[in-house]
Amino acid sequence: MVLSKKRARKVIEEIIALFPDAKPSLNFTNHFELLVAVMLSAQTTDAAVNIVTPALFKAYPTPREMAAASESEIASYIARLGLYRNKAKFLKKCAQQLLDDFGGQVPHTRKELESLAGVGRKTANVVMSVGFGIPAFAVDTHVERICKHHDIVKKSASPLEVEQRVMEVLPKNEWLPAHQAMICFGREICHPRNPECDQYPQLYHFD
């Protein structure tokens, strides 16, 4: 049974209250680095990405340097990450697209971001919200698991349905704090196995 809009909002806001200072865990200093880091984070931990990006960003500080590199050269910097060969291919192509289509700058609309190689809806939403301050809600594995475990959505809900439900339940100014807090909540409390959510009764008791 899916919670009402009011109760679903209460659950998410309690999660935000548990992690009020949650911040992005990927390290970056500009929009290009953010885009690359989020692309690399697919099926890999943010901690692992943060290990490889300092050398990667030093070698390829802008799309121009990355587009000029070979796939194997890029791959050598990210070889410890999952799917690194595919990611290297996407990074090179994406960098070239940034040069060809956007003057070497990272675009800020979802349509433009999703036109880039290796960029899906989740990555676009992260870049929009974290990088540009544009209201968007990104759904990763933690967010999807939490929303299903706490009956915010149906167990069969797709990532897009999770995104739409949370955006319906919360005001725009809470979308990014909710995303960040839910990632922390998923890592520390609502684990894939043996979740510890029952230790937080405020998530279940409603007025």
N, C-alpha and C. Protein backbone atom coordinates (compact mmCIF):
# COMPACT_ATOMS: atom_id res chain seq x y z
N MET A 1 0.85 -1.20 0.00
CA MET A 1 0.00 0.00 0.00
C MET A 1 0.88 1.25 0.00
N VAL A 2 0.63 2.13 -0.95
CA VAL A 2 1.42 3.34 -1.07
C VAL A 2 0.90 4.41 -0.11
N LEU A 3 1.82 5.10 0.53
CA LEU A 3 1.45 6.14 1.47
C LEU A 3 0.75 7.29 0.76
N SER A 4 -0.07 8.00 1.53
CA SER A 4 -0.69 9.21 1.01
C SER A 4 0.40 10.25 0.75
N LYS A 5 0.05 11.26 -0.01
CA LYS A 5 1.00 12.33 -0.31
C LYS A 5 1.51 12.98 0.96
N LYS A 6 0.62 13.20 1.92
CA LYS A 6 1.00 13.85 3.18
C LYS A 6 1.98 12.97 3.96
N ARG A 7 1.69 11.68 4.05
CA ARG A 7 2.56 10.79 4.82
C ARG A 7 3.88 10.54 4.11
N ALA A 8 3.84 10.46 2.80
CA ALA A 8 5.08 10.27 2.05
C ALA A 8 6.00 11.47 2.25
N ARG A 9 5.42 12.66 2.23
CA ARG A 9 6.23 13.87 2.46
C ARG A 9 6.82 13.85 3.87
N LYS A 10 6.03 13.39 4.84
CA LYS A 10 6.51 13.32 6.22
C LYS A 10 7.73 12.39 6.32
N VAL A 11 7.67 11.24 5.68
CA VAL A 11 8.78 10.29 5.73
C VAL A 11 10.04 10.91 5.14
N ILE A 12 9.90 11.52 3.97
CA ILE A 12 11.08 12.10 3.31
C ILE A 12 11.64 13.25 4.13
N GLU A 13 10.77 14.06 4.70
CA GLU A 13 11.26 15.19 5.50
C GLU A 13 11.93 14.71 6.78
N GLU A 14 11.50 13.58 7.33
CA GLU A 14 12.19 13.02 8.48
C GLU A 14 13.59 12.52 8.08
N ILE A 15 13.71 11.99 6.88
CA ILE A 15 15.02 11.56 6.39
C ILE A 15 15.93 12.78 6.20
N ILE A 16 15.38 13.87 5.67
CA ILE A 16 16.15 15.11 5.53
C ILE A 16 16.60 15.59 6.90
N ALA A 17 15.72 15.47 7.89
CA ALA A 17 16.06 15.91 9.25
C ALA A 17 17.18 15.08 9.86
N LEU A 18 17.28 13.81 9.46
CA LEU A 18 18.35 12.95 9.96
C LEU A 18 19.71 13.35 9.37
N PHE A 19 19.69 13.89 8.15
CA PHE A 19 20.93 14.28 7.46
C PHE A 19 20.78 15.69 6.89
N PRO A 20 20.64 16.68 7.77
CA PRO A 20 20.35 18.04 7.31
C PRO A 20 21.50 18.71 6.56
N ASP A 21 22.71 18.22 6.77
CA ASP A 21 23.88 18.85 6.14
C ASP A 21 24.48 17.98 5.04
N ALA A 22 23.68 17.06 4.52
CA ALA A 22 24.18 16.15 3.48
C ALA A 22 24.61 16.94 2.25
N LYS A 23 25.78 16.61 1.75
CA LYS A 23 26.34 17.27 0.58
C LYS A 23 26.76 16.22 -0.45
N PRO A 24 26.96 16.63 -1.69
CA PRO A 24 27.45 15.67 -2.69
C PRO A 24 28.77 15.06 -2.24
N SER A 25 28.93 13.78 -2.44
CA SER A 25 30.17 13.12 -2.01
C SER A 25 31.20 13.03 -3.13
N LEU A 26 30.82 13.38 -4.35
CA LEU A 26 31.78 13.42 -5.44
C LEU A 26 32.58 14.72 -5.36
N ASN A 27 33.86 14.65 -5.66
CA ASN A 27 34.71 15.84 -5.63
C ASN A 27 34.78 16.46 -7.02
N PHE A 28 34.56 17.78 -7.09
CA PHE A 28 34.62 18.49 -8.37
C PHE A 28 34.78 19.98 -8.08
N THR A 29 35.28 20.72 -9.08
CA THR A 29 35.46 22.16 -8.90
C THR A 29 34.76 22.97 -9.98
N ASN A 30 34.20 22.30 -10.99
CA ASN A 30 33.50 23.03 -12.04
C ASN A 30 32.48 22.10 -12.71
N HIS A 31 31.71 22.64 -13.64
CA HIS A 31 30.64 21.86 -14.26
C HIS A 31 31.17 20.67 -15.05
N PHE A 32 32.29 20.84 -15.73
CA PHE A 32 32.86 19.73 -16.51
C PHE A 32 33.29 18.60 -15.58
N GLU A 33 33.96 18.94 -14.50
CA GLU A 33 34.39 17.91 -13.56
C GLU A 33 33.19 17.21 -12.92
N LEU A 34 32.14 17.97 -12.62
CA LEU A 34 30.92 17.36 -12.06
C LEU A 34 30.32 16.37 -13.05
N LEU A 35 30.19 16.79 -14.30
CA LEU A 35 29.63 15.91 -15.32
C LEU A 35 30.43 14.63 -15.45
N VAL A 36 31.74 14.75 -15.53
CA VAL A 36 32.61 13.57 -15.67
C VAL A 36 32.48 12.67 -14.44
N ALA A 37 32.51 13.26 -13.26
CA ALA A 37 32.45 12.46 -12.03
C ALA A 37 31.13 11.69 -11.94
N VAL A 38 30.03 12.33 -12.30
CA VAL A 38 28.73 11.65 -12.23
C VAL A 38 28.67 10.54 -13.27
N MET A 39 29.20 10.79 -14.46
CA MET A 39 29.24 9.74 -15.48
C MET A 39 30.05 8.53 -14.98
N LEU A 40 31.15 8.80 -14.31
CA LEU A 40 32.00 7.71 -13.80
C LEU A 40 31.36 6.95 -12.65
N SER A 41 30.43 7.58 -11.95
CA SER A 41 29.87 6.98 -10.73
C SER A 41 28.88 5.86 -11.01
N ALA A 42 28.49 5.66 -12.25
CA ALA A 42 27.54 4.59 -12.57
C ALA A 42 28.12 3.24 -12.17
N GLN A 43 27.36 2.49 -11.38
CA GLN A 43 27.75 1.15 -10.92
C GLN A 43 29.11 1.14 -10.23
N THR A 44 29.46 2.23 -9.60
CA THR A 44 30.72 2.37 -8.87
C THR A 44 30.47 3.30 -7.69
N THR A 45 31.17 3.15 -6.60
CA THR A 45 30.98 4.03 -5.46
C THR A 45 31.60 5.40 -5.72
N ASP A 46 31.04 6.43 -5.10
CA ASP A 46 31.60 7.77 -5.21
C ASP A 46 33.02 7.80 -4.66
N ALA A 47 33.28 7.03 -3.61
CA ALA A 47 34.61 7.00 -3.02
C ALA A 47 35.63 6.50 -4.03
N ALA A 48 35.27 5.49 -4.81
CA ALA A 48 36.18 4.97 -5.83
C ALA A 48 36.42 6.00 -6.92
N VAL A 49 35.37 6.72 -7.29
CA VAL A 49 35.51 7.77 -8.31
C VAL A 49 36.45 8.86 -7.82
N ASN A 50 36.31 9.25 -6.56
CA ASN A 50 37.14 10.32 -6.01
C ASN A 50 38.63 9.95 -5.97
N ILE A 51 38.94 8.66 -5.98
CA ILE A 51 40.33 8.22 -6.00
C ILE A 51 40.97 8.47 -7.37
N VAL A 52 40.19 8.28 -8.44
CA VAL A 52 40.78 8.37 -9.78
C VAL A 52 40.68 9.76 -10.41
N THR A 53 39.73 10.58 -9.95
CA THR A 53 39.51 11.85 -10.65
C THR A 53 40.62 12.89 -10.49
N PRO A 54 41.36 12.96 -9.37
CA PRO A 54 42.41 13.98 -9.32
C PRO A 54 43.40 13.88 -10.48
N ALA A 55 43.90 12.70 -10.75
CA ALA A 55 44.84 12.52 -11.86
C ALA A 55 44.15 12.71 -13.21
N LEU A 56 42.92 12.24 -13.31
CA LEU A 56 42.15 12.39 -14.56
C LEU A 56 41.93 13.86 -14.88
N PHE A 57 41.50 14.63 -13.87
CA PHE A 57 41.23 16.05 -14.10
C PHE A 57 42.51 16.84 -14.36
N LYS A 58 43.60 16.40 -13.78
CA LYS A 58 44.89 17.07 -14.03
C LYS A 58 45.32 16.84 -15.47
N ALA A 59 45.12 15.63 -15.96
CA ALA A 59 45.51 15.30 -17.34
C ALA A 59 44.58 15.94 -18.36
N TYR A 60 43.29 16.00 -18.01
CA TYR A 60 42.28 16.51 -18.94
C TYR A 60 41.41 17.56 -18.24
N PRO A 61 41.93 18.76 -18.04
CA PRO A 61 41.18 19.78 -17.28
C PRO A 61 39.99 20.36 -18.02
N THR A 62 39.95 20.22 -19.34
CA THR A 62 38.83 20.76 -20.12
C THR A 62 38.41 19.73 -21.16
N PRO A 63 37.26 19.91 -21.78
CA PRO A 63 36.83 18.99 -22.84
C PRO A 63 37.84 18.90 -23.99
N ARG A 64 38.56 19.97 -24.27
CA ARG A 64 39.51 19.95 -25.39
C ARG A 64 40.59 18.89 -25.19
N GLU A 65 41.19 18.85 -24.01
CA GLU A 65 42.23 17.86 -23.74
C GLU A 65 41.67 16.44 -23.74
N MET A 66 40.47 16.28 -23.20
CA MET A 66 39.89 14.94 -23.14
C MET A 66 39.51 14.44 -24.53
N ALA A 67 38.98 15.32 -25.37
CA ALA A 67 38.59 14.93 -26.72
C ALA A 67 39.81 14.55 -27.55
N ALA A 68 40.96 15.18 -27.26
CA ALA A 68 42.18 14.91 -28.02
C ALA A 68 42.85 13.62 -27.61
N ALA A 69 42.49 13.10 -26.44
CA ALA A 69 43.11 11.87 -25.95
C ALA A 69 42.48 10.65 -26.60
N SER A 70 43.20 9.54 -26.58
CA SER A 70 42.63 8.28 -27.09
C SER A 70 41.80 7.63 -25.99
N GLU A 71 40.93 6.72 -26.39
CA GLU A 71 40.12 6.01 -25.41
C GLU A 71 41.01 5.23 -24.44
N SER A 72 42.07 4.63 -24.96
CA SER A 72 42.95 3.84 -24.09
C SER A 72 43.69 4.72 -23.09
N GLU A 73 44.05 5.94 -23.52
CA GLU A 73 44.70 6.87 -22.60
C GLU A 73 43.76 7.26 -21.46
N ILE A 74 42.53 7.58 -21.80
CA ILE A 74 41.54 7.93 -20.77
C ILE A 74 41.28 6.72 -19.87
N ALA A 75 41.17 5.56 -20.49
CA ALA A 75 40.89 4.34 -19.73
C ALA A 75 41.97 4.05 -18.70
N SER A 76 43.20 4.41 -19.01
CA SER A 76 44.30 4.12 -18.08
C SER A 76 44.14 4.84 -16.75
N TYR A 77 43.44 5.96 -16.76
CA TYR A 77 43.22 6.73 -15.52
C TYR A 77 42.06 6.18 -14.69
N ILE A 78 41.16 5.44 -15.33
CA ILE A 78 39.94 5.01 -14.63
C ILE A 78 39.81 3.49 -14.59
N ALA A 79 40.92 2.78 -14.82
CA ALA A 79 40.88 1.32 -14.97
C ALA A 79 40.41 0.60 -13.72
N ARG A 80 40.47 1.25 -12.55
CA ARG A 80 40.02 0.59 -11.33
C ARG A 80 38.50 0.65 -11.15
N LEU A 81 37.82 1.38 -12.03
CA LEU A 81 36.37 1.52 -11.94
C LEU A 81 35.67 0.47 -12.80
N GLY A 82 34.45 0.14 -12.42
CA GLY A 82 33.65 -0.77 -13.22
C GLY A 82 33.32 -0.17 -14.58
N LEU A 83 33.27 -1.02 -15.59
CA LEU A 83 32.90 -0.61 -16.95
C LEU A 83 33.81 0.49 -17.49
N TYR A 84 35.09 0.47 -17.11
CA TYR A 84 35.96 1.60 -17.42
C TYR A 84 36.18 1.78 -18.92
N ARG A 85 36.17 0.71 -19.69
CA ARG A 85 36.38 0.88 -21.14
C ARG A 85 35.20 1.61 -21.78
N ASN A 86 33.99 1.22 -21.42
CA ASN A 86 32.82 1.92 -21.94
C ASN A 86 32.80 3.37 -21.48
N LYS A 87 33.17 3.59 -20.22
CA LYS A 87 33.17 4.96 -19.69
C LYS A 87 34.20 5.82 -20.41
N ALA A 88 35.34 5.26 -20.72
CA ALA A 88 36.36 6.01 -21.46
C ALA A 88 35.84 6.39 -22.85
N LYS A 89 35.15 5.48 -23.50
CA LYS A 89 34.58 5.75 -24.82
C LYS A 89 33.56 6.89 -24.73
N PHE A 90 32.68 6.82 -23.72
CA PHE A 90 31.67 7.86 -23.56
C PHE A 90 32.30 9.21 -23.21
N LEU A 91 33.32 9.20 -22.36
CA LEU A 91 33.96 10.46 -21.96
C LEU A 91 34.58 11.16 -23.16
N LYS A 92 35.27 10.42 -24.00
CA LYS A 92 35.89 11.01 -25.18
C LYS A 92 34.83 11.59 -26.12
N LYS A 93 33.80 10.81 -26.38
CA LYS A 93 32.74 11.28 -27.29
C LYS A 93 32.00 12.47 -26.70
N CYS A 94 31.70 12.41 -25.40
CA CYS A 94 31.01 13.50 -24.73
C CYS A 94 31.84 14.79 -24.80
N ALA A 95 33.14 14.68 -24.56
CA ALA A 95 34.01 15.85 -24.61
C ALA A 95 34.00 16.48 -26.00
N GLN A 96 34.01 15.62 -27.03
CA GLN A 96 33.97 16.14 -28.40
C GLN A 96 32.64 16.83 -28.67
N GLN A 97 31.55 16.27 -28.16
CA GLN A 97 30.23 16.89 -28.33
C GLN A 97 30.17 18.25 -27.63
N LEU A 98 30.77 18.34 -26.46
CA LEU A 98 30.79 19.63 -25.75
C LEU A 98 31.50 20.68 -26.60
N LEU A 99 32.58 20.29 -27.26
CA LEU A 99 33.31 21.22 -28.13
C LEU A 99 32.49 21.58 -29.37
N ASP A 100 31.92 20.57 -30.00
CA ASP A 100 31.23 20.77 -31.28
C ASP A 100 29.89 21.48 -31.12
N ASP A 101 29.16 21.13 -30.06
CA ASP A 101 27.78 21.59 -29.94
C ASP A 101 27.55 22.69 -28.91
N PHE A 102 28.47 22.82 -27.95
CA PHE A 102 28.21 23.75 -26.84
C PHE A 102 29.39 24.66 -26.51
N GLY A 103 30.28 24.84 -27.46
CA GLY A 103 31.39 25.76 -27.25
C GLY A 103 32.30 25.38 -26.10
N GLY A 104 32.36 24.08 -25.81
CA GLY A 104 33.22 23.61 -24.72
C GLY A 104 32.63 23.78 -23.34
N GLN A 105 31.36 24.22 -23.26
CA GLN A 105 30.70 24.42 -21.98
C GLN A 105 29.68 23.31 -21.73
N VAL A 106 29.45 23.00 -20.48
CA VAL A 106 28.43 22.01 -20.12
C VAL A 106 27.06 22.69 -20.19
N PRO A 107 26.13 22.15 -20.96
CA PRO A 107 24.79 22.74 -21.04
C PRO A 107 24.01 22.52 -19.75
N HIS A 108 22.89 23.24 -19.60
CA HIS A 108 22.15 23.15 -18.33
C HIS A 108 20.72 22.66 -18.48
N THR A 109 20.27 22.37 -19.70
CA THR A 109 18.91 21.83 -19.84
C THR A 109 18.97 20.31 -19.94
N ARG A 110 17.89 19.66 -19.53
CA ARG A 110 17.87 18.20 -19.57
C ARG A 110 18.01 17.69 -21.00
N LYS A 111 17.32 18.31 -21.95
CA LYS A 111 17.38 17.86 -23.34
C LYS A 111 18.80 17.93 -23.87
N GLU A 112 19.49 19.02 -23.60
CA GLU A 112 20.87 19.18 -24.08
C GLU A 112 21.81 18.21 -23.38
N LEU A 113 21.65 18.06 -22.07
CA LEU A 113 22.52 17.14 -21.33
C LEU A 113 22.32 15.71 -21.81
N GLU A 114 21.08 15.32 -22.03
CA GLU A 114 20.81 13.94 -22.45
C GLU A 114 21.23 13.69 -23.90
N SER A 115 21.56 14.75 -24.62
CA SER A 115 22.07 14.56 -25.99
C SER A 115 23.54 14.13 -25.98
N LEU A 116 24.18 14.22 -24.81
CA LEU A 116 25.60 13.87 -24.69
C LEU A 116 25.77 12.37 -24.50
N ALA A 117 26.81 11.83 -25.09
CA ALA A 117 27.12 10.39 -24.96
C ALA A 117 27.30 10.02 -23.49
N GLY A 118 26.66 8.94 -23.08
CA GLY A 118 26.83 8.44 -21.72
C GLY A 118 26.04 9.18 -20.66
N VAL A 119 25.21 10.12 -21.07
CA VAL A 119 24.43 10.90 -20.09
C VAL A 119 22.97 10.52 -20.17
N GLY A 120 22.46 9.94 -19.07
CA GLY A 120 21.05 9.60 -18.98
C GLY A 120 20.31 10.58 -18.08
N ARG A 121 19.10 10.26 -17.77
CA ARG A 121 18.26 11.18 -17.01
C ARG A 121 18.82 11.45 -15.61
N LYS A 122 19.32 10.41 -14.93
CA LYS A 122 19.85 10.62 -13.58
C LYS A 122 21.04 11.56 -13.60
N THR A 123 21.97 11.32 -14.49
CA THR A 123 23.15 12.19 -14.58
C THR A 123 22.74 13.62 -14.91
N ALA A 124 21.82 13.77 -15.85
CA ALA A 124 21.34 15.10 -16.21
C ALA A 124 20.72 15.81 -15.00
N ASN A 125 19.93 15.07 -14.24
CA ASN A 125 19.29 15.67 -13.07
C ASN A 125 20.30 16.11 -12.02
N VAL A 126 21.35 15.30 -11.82
CA VAL A 126 22.39 15.68 -10.85
C VAL A 126 23.11 16.94 -11.30
N VAL A 127 23.49 16.99 -12.57
CA VAL A 127 24.21 18.16 -13.08
C VAL A 127 23.33 19.40 -13.00
N MET A 128 22.06 19.27 -13.34
CA MET A 128 21.14 20.41 -13.27
C MET A 128 21.00 20.92 -11.84
N SER A 129 20.76 20.00 -10.91
CA SER A 129 20.45 20.41 -9.54
C SER A 129 21.69 20.82 -8.76
N VAL A 130 22.74 19.99 -8.82
CA VAL A 130 23.95 20.26 -8.05
C VAL A 130 24.80 21.34 -8.73
N GLY A 131 24.92 21.25 -10.05
CA GLY A 131 25.80 22.16 -10.76
C GLY A 131 25.20 23.52 -11.06
N PHE A 132 23.91 23.54 -11.40
CA PHE A 132 23.29 24.78 -11.85
C PHE A 132 22.18 25.31 -10.94
N GLY A 133 21.85 24.56 -9.89
CA GLY A 133 20.80 25.01 -8.98
C GLY A 133 19.42 24.99 -9.60
N ILE A 134 19.23 24.18 -10.64
CA ILE A 134 17.93 24.06 -11.30
C ILE A 134 17.16 22.92 -10.64
N PRO A 135 15.92 23.17 -10.19
CA PRO A 135 15.17 22.11 -9.51
C PRO A 135 15.05 20.84 -10.35
N ALA A 136 15.54 19.76 -9.81
CA ALA A 136 15.46 18.44 -10.46
C ALA A 136 15.69 17.41 -9.37
N PHE A 137 15.20 16.20 -9.57
CA PHE A 137 15.36 15.15 -8.56
C PHE A 137 15.94 13.91 -9.22
N ALA A 138 17.15 13.56 -8.83
CA ALA A 138 17.84 12.40 -9.41
C ALA A 138 17.54 11.14 -8.61
N VAL A 139 17.28 10.07 -9.31
CA VAL A 139 16.97 8.78 -8.67
C VAL A 139 18.12 7.80 -8.93
N ASP A 140 18.83 7.46 -7.85
CA ASP A 140 19.85 6.42 -7.95
C ASP A 140 19.35 5.17 -7.23
N THR A 141 20.22 4.19 -7.05
CA THR A 141 19.78 2.94 -6.44
C THR A 141 19.33 3.14 -4.99
N HIS A 142 20.00 4.04 -4.27
CA HIS A 142 19.61 4.30 -2.88
C HIS A 142 18.20 4.90 -2.82
N VAL A 143 17.97 5.92 -3.63
CA VAL A 143 16.68 6.61 -3.63
C VAL A 143 15.55 5.65 -4.01
N GLU A 144 15.78 4.86 -5.04
CA GLU A 144 14.76 3.91 -5.48
C GLU A 144 14.46 2.89 -4.38
N ARG A 145 15.50 2.36 -3.76
CA ARG A 145 15.31 1.36 -2.70
C ARG A 145 14.54 1.94 -1.52
N ILE A 146 14.91 3.14 -1.10
CA ILE A 146 14.26 3.78 0.05
C ILE A 146 12.78 4.04 -0.24
N CYS A 147 12.50 4.56 -1.42
CA CYS A 147 11.11 4.89 -1.75
C CYS A 147 10.23 3.65 -1.81
N LYS A 148 10.80 2.52 -2.23
CA LYS A 148 10.04 1.28 -2.27
C LYS A 148 9.92 0.66 -0.88
N HIS A 149 11.00 0.69 -0.12
CA HIS A 149 10.99 0.11 1.23
C HIS A 149 10.00 0.84 2.14
N HIS A 150 9.89 2.14 1.97
CA HIS A 150 9.02 2.95 2.83
C HIS A 150 7.67 3.27 2.18
N ASP A 151 7.32 2.54 1.13
CA ASP A 151 6.00 2.63 0.50
C ASP A 151 5.66 4.02 -0.01
N ILE A 152 6.68 4.75 -0.43
CA ILE A 152 6.43 6.04 -1.07
C ILE A 152 5.96 5.81 -2.50
N VAL A 153 6.41 4.69 -3.07
CA VAL A 153 5.97 4.25 -4.39
C VAL A 153 5.66 2.76 -4.33
N LYS A 154 5.04 2.26 -5.39
CA LYS A 154 4.81 0.82 -5.49
C LYS A 154 6.14 0.10 -5.67
N LYS A 155 6.17 -1.17 -5.26
CA LYS A 155 7.39 -1.96 -5.40
C LYS A 155 7.79 -2.13 -6.86
N SER A 156 6.82 -2.00 -7.77
CA SER A 156 7.09 -2.17 -9.19
C SER A 156 7.45 -0.87 -9.90
N ALA A 157 7.54 0.23 -9.16
CA ALA A 157 7.75 1.54 -9.78
C ALA A 157 9.09 1.62 -10.50
N SER A 158 9.09 2.28 -11.64
CA SER A 158 10.32 2.52 -12.40
C SER A 158 11.04 3.73 -11.81
N PRO A 159 12.31 3.93 -12.13
CA PRO A 159 13.01 5.12 -11.64
C PRO A 159 12.29 6.43 -12.01
N LEU A 160 11.74 6.48 -13.21
CA LEU A 160 11.01 7.68 -13.62
C LEU A 160 9.76 7.88 -12.75
N GLU A 161 9.07 6.80 -12.41
CA GLU A 161 7.89 6.91 -11.55
C GLU A 161 8.29 7.34 -10.14
N VAL A 162 9.45 6.88 -9.66
CA VAL A 162 9.95 7.32 -8.36
C VAL A 162 10.22 8.83 -8.40
N GLU A 163 10.89 9.26 -9.45
CA GLU A 163 11.20 10.69 -9.61
C GLU A 163 9.93 11.53 -9.62
N GLN A 164 8.96 11.11 -10.39
CA GLN A 164 7.71 11.88 -10.52
C GLN A 164 6.95 11.92 -9.20
N ARG A 165 6.97 10.82 -8.46
CA ARG A 165 6.26 10.76 -7.18
C ARG A 165 6.89 11.70 -6.16
N VAL A 166 8.21 11.67 -6.04
CA VAL A 166 8.89 12.54 -5.08
C VAL A 166 8.68 14.00 -5.45
N MET A 167 8.74 14.32 -6.73
CA MET A 167 8.52 15.70 -7.17
C MET A 167 7.09 16.16 -6.90
N GLU A 168 6.17 15.21 -6.93
CA GLU A 168 4.77 15.53 -6.62
C GLU A 168 4.57 15.76 -5.13
N VAL A 169 5.31 14.99 -4.33
CA VAL A 169 5.13 15.02 -2.87
C VAL A 169 5.82 16.22 -2.22
N LEU A 170 7.00 16.59 -2.73
CA LEU A 170 7.80 17.63 -2.10
C LEU A 170 7.77 18.93 -2.88
N PRO A 171 7.92 20.06 -2.19
CA PRO A 171 8.12 21.33 -2.90
C PRO A 171 9.49 21.34 -3.57
N LYS A 172 9.64 22.16 -4.60
CA LYS A 172 10.87 22.16 -5.39
C LYS A 172 12.12 22.40 -4.56
N ASN A 173 12.00 23.26 -3.54
CA ASN A 173 13.19 23.61 -2.76
C ASN A 173 13.69 22.45 -1.90
N GLU A 174 12.92 21.37 -1.81
CA GLU A 174 13.35 20.21 -1.03
C GLU A 174 13.85 19.07 -1.90
N TRP A 175 13.79 19.22 -3.21
CA TRP A 175 14.20 18.11 -4.08
C TRP A 175 15.68 17.77 -3.89
N LEU A 176 16.56 18.77 -3.94
CA LEU A 176 17.99 18.50 -3.80
C LEU A 176 18.35 18.04 -2.39
N PRO A 177 17.87 18.71 -1.33
CA PRO A 177 18.15 18.20 0.02
C PRO A 177 17.66 16.77 0.22
N ALA A 178 16.51 16.45 -0.37
CA ALA A 178 15.98 15.08 -0.26
C ALA A 178 16.90 14.08 -0.95
N HIS A 179 17.36 14.42 -2.12
CA HIS A 179 18.27 13.54 -2.86
C HIS A 179 19.54 13.27 -2.06
N GLN A 180 20.16 14.33 -1.54
CA GLN A 180 21.40 14.17 -0.79
C GLN A 180 21.18 13.38 0.50
N ALA A 181 20.10 13.71 1.23
CA ALA A 181 19.82 13.03 2.49
C ALA A 181 19.49 11.56 2.28
N MET A 182 18.75 11.26 1.20
CA MET A 182 18.36 9.88 0.95
C MET A 182 19.57 9.02 0.57
N ILE A 183 20.55 9.60 -0.09
CA ILE A 183 21.77 8.86 -0.38
C ILE A 183 22.48 8.48 0.93
N CYS A 184 22.60 9.45 1.84
CA CYS A 184 23.22 9.16 3.14
C CYS A 184 22.41 8.13 3.92
N PHE A 185 21.10 8.27 3.90
CA PHE A 185 20.20 7.35 4.59
C PHE A 185 20.34 5.94 4.02
N GLY A 186 20.46 5.84 2.71
CA GLY A 186 20.62 4.54 2.07
C GLY A 186 21.94 3.88 2.39
N ARG A 187 22.99 4.69 2.50
CA ARG A 187 24.31 4.14 2.80
C ARG A 187 24.43 3.72 4.26
N GLU A 188 23.82 4.48 5.16
CA GLU A 188 24.05 4.27 6.58
C GLU A 188 22.94 3.53 7.32
N ILE A 189 21.73 3.58 6.81
CA ILE A 189 20.60 3.03 7.57
C ILE A 189 19.75 2.05 6.73
N CYS A 190 19.23 2.52 5.61
CA CYS A 190 18.33 1.69 4.80
C CYS A 190 19.15 0.86 3.82
N HIS A 191 19.89 -0.12 4.37
CA HIS A 191 20.78 -0.94 3.57
C HIS A 191 19.98 -1.90 2.68
N PRO A 192 20.60 -2.36 1.58
CA PRO A 192 19.92 -3.35 0.74
C PRO A 192 19.57 -4.61 1.52
N ARG A 193 20.48 -5.02 2.42
CA ARG A 193 20.20 -6.16 3.28
C ARG A 193 20.20 -5.70 4.73
N ASN A 194 19.29 -6.24 5.51
CA ASN A 194 19.17 -5.91 6.93
C ASN A 194 19.09 -4.40 7.19
N PRO A 195 18.11 -3.72 6.58
CA PRO A 195 17.95 -2.29 6.85
C PRO A 195 17.64 -2.04 8.32
N GLU A 196 18.11 -0.91 8.82
CA GLU A 196 17.95 -0.57 10.23
C GLU A 196 16.92 0.54 10.44
N CYS A 197 16.03 0.67 9.50
CA CYS A 197 15.04 1.76 9.56
C CYS A 197 14.13 1.67 10.77
N ASP A 198 13.91 0.45 11.27
CA ASP A 198 12.99 0.30 12.41
C ASP A 198 13.54 0.94 13.68
N GLN A 199 14.80 1.34 13.68
CA GLN A 199 15.37 2.04 14.82
C GLN A 199 14.99 3.53 14.82
N TYR A 200 14.26 3.94 13.81
CA TYR A 200 13.85 5.35 13.69
C TYR A 200 12.32 5.41 13.59
N PRO A 201 11.66 5.35 14.74
CA PRO A 201 10.19 5.26 14.75
C PRO A 201 9.51 6.45 14.09
N GLN A 202 10.19 7.60 14.03
CA GLN A 202 9.57 8.76 13.41
C GLN A 202 9.26 8.54 11.93
N LEU A 203 9.88 7.52 11.35
CA LEU A 203 9.62 7.22 9.94
C LEU A 203 8.33 6.43 9.75
N TYR A 204 7.74 5.96 10.83
CA TYR A 204 6.57 5.10 10.73
C TYR A 204 5.36 5.64 11.49
N HIS A 205 5.57 6.49 12.45
CA HIS A 205 4.47 6.98 13.27
C HIS A 205 4.01 8.34 12.77
N PHE A 206 2.75 8.42 12.41
CA PHE A 206 2.21 9.64 11.83
C PHE A 206 1.11 10.22 12.72
N ASP A 207 1.00 11.52 12.69
CA ASP A 207 -0.08 12.19 13.42
C ASP A 207 -1.41 11.98 12.68
